[in-house]
Amino acid sequence: MYNVTITSRAERELRRLDRPIKNRIVTAILTLSSDPRPAGCLKVKSEEGVWRIRVGDWRIGYQIDNANHEVIVIRIGHRSEFYD
């Protein structure tokens, strides 16, 4: 099991979302604790060490620290803004 932490930036982005979208994203974040590399996850090519998963039109960017068994959610954004 991995510990999941959310940065203040990601938490702020999560608070701005509508409740149905927020619930889907929170569920996806919680599943990262058991499997930090679920099916469909990809490395973000423009940033070193950042992975992303899709939740509909939304993206969750995170880093994996295998040494400490920790997943750090660093960014949540719409697909049109996520890769900027």
C-alpha atoms as a PDB file:
ATOM      1  CA  MET A   1       0.000   0.000   0.000  1.00  0.00           C
ATOM      2  CA  TYR A   2       1.154   3.489  -0.868  1.00  0.00           C
ATOM      3  CA  ASN A   3       0.371   6.636   1.108  1.00  0.00           C
ATOM      4  CA  VAL A   4      -1.357   9.242  -1.046  1.00  0.00           C
ATOM      5  CA  THR A   5      -0.678  12.923  -0.387  1.00  0.00           C
ATOM      6  CA  ILE A   6      -2.142  15.868  -2.243  1.00  0.00           C
ATOM      7  CA  THR A   7      -0.233  19.105  -2.725  1.00  0.00           C
ATOM      8  CA  SER A   8      -1.910  22.397  -1.886  1.00  0.00           C
ATOM      9  CA  ARG A   9      -2.108  23.251  -5.604  1.00  0.00           C
ATOM     10  CA  ALA A  10      -3.922  19.997  -6.417  1.00  0.00           C
ATOM     11  CA  GLU A  11      -6.217  20.428  -3.415  1.00  0.00           C
ATOM     12  CA  ARG A  12      -7.136  23.935  -4.584  1.00  0.00           C
ATOM     13  CA  GLU A  13      -7.841  22.633  -8.101  1.00  0.00           C
ATOM     14  CA  LEU A  14      -9.976  19.828  -6.658  1.00  0.00           C
ATOM     15  CA  ARG A  15     -12.088  22.227  -4.574  1.00  0.00           C
ATOM     16  CA  ARG A  16     -13.035  24.202  -7.698  1.00  0.00           C
ATOM     17  CA  LEU A  17     -14.681  21.219  -9.396  1.00  0.00           C
ATOM     18  CA  ASP A  18     -18.356  20.289  -9.453  1.00  0.00           C
ATOM     19  CA  ARG A  19     -19.390  17.579  -7.008  1.00  0.00           C
ATOM     20  CA  PRO A  20     -19.924  14.700  -9.526  1.00  0.00           C
ATOM     21  CA  ILE A  21     -16.536  15.277 -11.148  1.00  0.00           C
ATOM     22  CA  LYS A  22     -14.878  15.739  -7.771  1.00  0.00           C
ATOM     23  CA  ASN A  23     -16.274  12.412  -6.521  1.00  0.00           C
ATOM     24  CA  ARG A  24     -14.936  10.564  -9.579  1.00  0.00           C
ATOM     25  CA  ILE A  25     -11.501  12.147  -9.189  1.00  0.00           C
ATOM     26  CA  VAL A  26     -11.304  11.438  -5.448  1.00  0.00           C
ATOM     27  CA  THR A  27     -12.188   7.794  -6.125  1.00  0.00           C
ATOM     28  CA  ALA A  28      -9.423   7.588  -8.748  1.00  0.00           C
ATOM     29  CA  ILE A  29      -6.919   9.179  -6.355  1.00  0.00           C
ATOM     30  CA  LEU A  30      -7.789   6.706  -3.600  1.00  0.00           C
ATOM     31  CA  THR A  31      -7.242   3.747  -5.938  1.00  0.00           C
ATOM     32  CA  LEU A  32      -3.663   4.957  -6.490  1.00  0.00           C
ATOM     33  CA  SER A  33      -2.845   3.786  -2.956  1.00  0.00           C
ATOM     34  CA  SER A  34      -3.244   0.151  -3.977  1.00  0.00           C
ATOM     35  CA  ASP A  35      -1.949   0.475  -7.556  1.00  0.00           C
ATOM     36  CA  PRO A  36       0.128   3.561  -8.423  1.00  0.00           C
ATOM     37  CA  ARG A  37       0.412   2.460 -12.046  1.00  0.00           C
ATOM     38  CA  PRO A  38      -3.128   1.424 -13.041  1.00  0.00           C
ATOM     39  CA  ALA A  39      -4.082   0.420 -16.554  1.00  0.00           C
ATOM     40  CA  GLY A  40      -4.084   3.470 -18.788  1.00  0.00           C
ATOM     41  CA  CYS A  41      -1.583   5.528 -16.812  1.00  0.00           C
ATOM     42  CA  LEU A  42       1.141   7.227 -18.816  1.00  0.00           C
ATOM     43  CA  LYS A  43       4.292   9.181 -18.120  1.00  0.00           C
ATOM     44  CA  VAL A  44       4.030  12.857 -18.988  1.00  0.00           C
ATOM     45  CA  LYS A  45       6.701  13.401 -21.610  1.00  0.00           C
ATOM     46  CA  SER A  46       7.200  17.103 -20.919  1.00  0.00           C
ATOM     47  CA  GLU A  47       7.967  16.577 -17.215  1.00  0.00           C
ATOM     48  CA  GLU A  48      10.436  14.195 -15.601  1.00  0.00           C
ATOM     49  CA  GLY A  49       8.962  11.676 -13.151  1.00  0.00           C
ATOM     50  CA  VAL A  50       5.324  12.730 -13.554  1.00  0.00           C
ATOM     51  CA  TRP A  51       2.603  10.213 -14.320  1.00  0.00           C
ATOM     52  CA  ARG A  52      -0.992  10.904 -15.275  1.00  0.00           C
ATOM     53  CA  ILE A  53      -4.303   9.109 -15.279  1.00  0.00           C
ATOM     54  CA  ARG A  54      -7.487  10.058 -17.099  1.00  0.00           C
ATOM     55  CA  VAL A  55     -10.855  10.560 -15.470  1.00  0.00           C
ATOM     56  CA  GLY A  56     -13.119  11.502 -18.365  1.00  0.00           C
ATOM     57  CA  ASP A  57     -11.887  14.852 -19.691  1.00  0.00           C
ATOM     58  CA  TRP A  58      -9.841  15.453 -16.537  1.00  0.00           C
ATOM     59  CA  ARG A  59      -6.240  14.497 -15.797  1.00  0.00           C
ATOM     60  CA  ILE A  60      -4.549  13.736 -12.490  1.00  0.00           C
ATOM     61  CA  GLY A  61      -0.792  14.312 -12.434  1.00  0.00           C
ATOM     62  CA  TYR A  62       1.251  12.583  -9.758  1.00  0.00           C
ATOM     63  CA  GLN A  63       4.711  11.409  -8.786  1.00  0.00           C
ATOM     64  CA  ILE A  64       5.600   8.014  -7.358  1.00  0.00           C
ATOM     65  CA  ASP A  65       8.168   7.662  -4.579  1.00  0.00           C
ATOM     66  CA  ASN A  66       8.849   3.912  -4.460  1.00  0.00           C
ATOM     67  CA  ALA A  67      11.431   4.200  -1.681  1.00  0.00           C
ATOM     68  CA  ASN A  68       8.892   5.676   0.749  1.00  0.00           C
ATOM     69  CA  HIS A  69       5.803   3.992  -0.779  1.00  0.00           C
ATOM     70  CA  GLU A  70       4.194   7.351  -1.451  1.00  0.00           C
ATOM     71  CA  VAL A  71       2.119   8.816  -4.286  1.00  0.00           C
ATOM     72  CA  ILE A  72       2.101  12.618  -4.453  1.00  0.00           C
ATOM     73  CA  VAL A  73      -0.754  14.182  -6.437  1.00  0.00           C
ATOM     74  CA  ILE A  74       0.679  17.396  -7.837  1.00  0.00           C
ATOM     75  CA  ARG A  75      -1.907  18.588 -10.346  1.00  0.00           C
ATOM     76  CA  ILE A  76      -5.530  18.122 -11.393  1.00  0.00           C
ATOM     77  CA  GLY A  77      -6.781  19.771 -14.552  1.00  0.00           C
ATOM     78  CA  HIS A  78      -8.927  19.632 -17.625  1.00  0.00           C
ATOM     79  CA  ARG A  79      -7.240  17.982 -20.593  1.00  0.00           C
ATOM     80  CA  SER A  80      -7.129  21.287 -22.491  1.00  0.00           C
ATOM     81  CA  GLU A  81      -5.098  22.931 -19.709  1.00  0.00           C
ATOM     82  CA  PHE A  82      -3.174  20.024 -18.189  1.00  0.00           C
ATOM     83  CA  TYR A  83      -0.243  19.867 -20.599  1.00  0.00           C
ATOM     84  CA  ASP A  84       0.567  23.611 -20.665  1.00  0.00           C
END
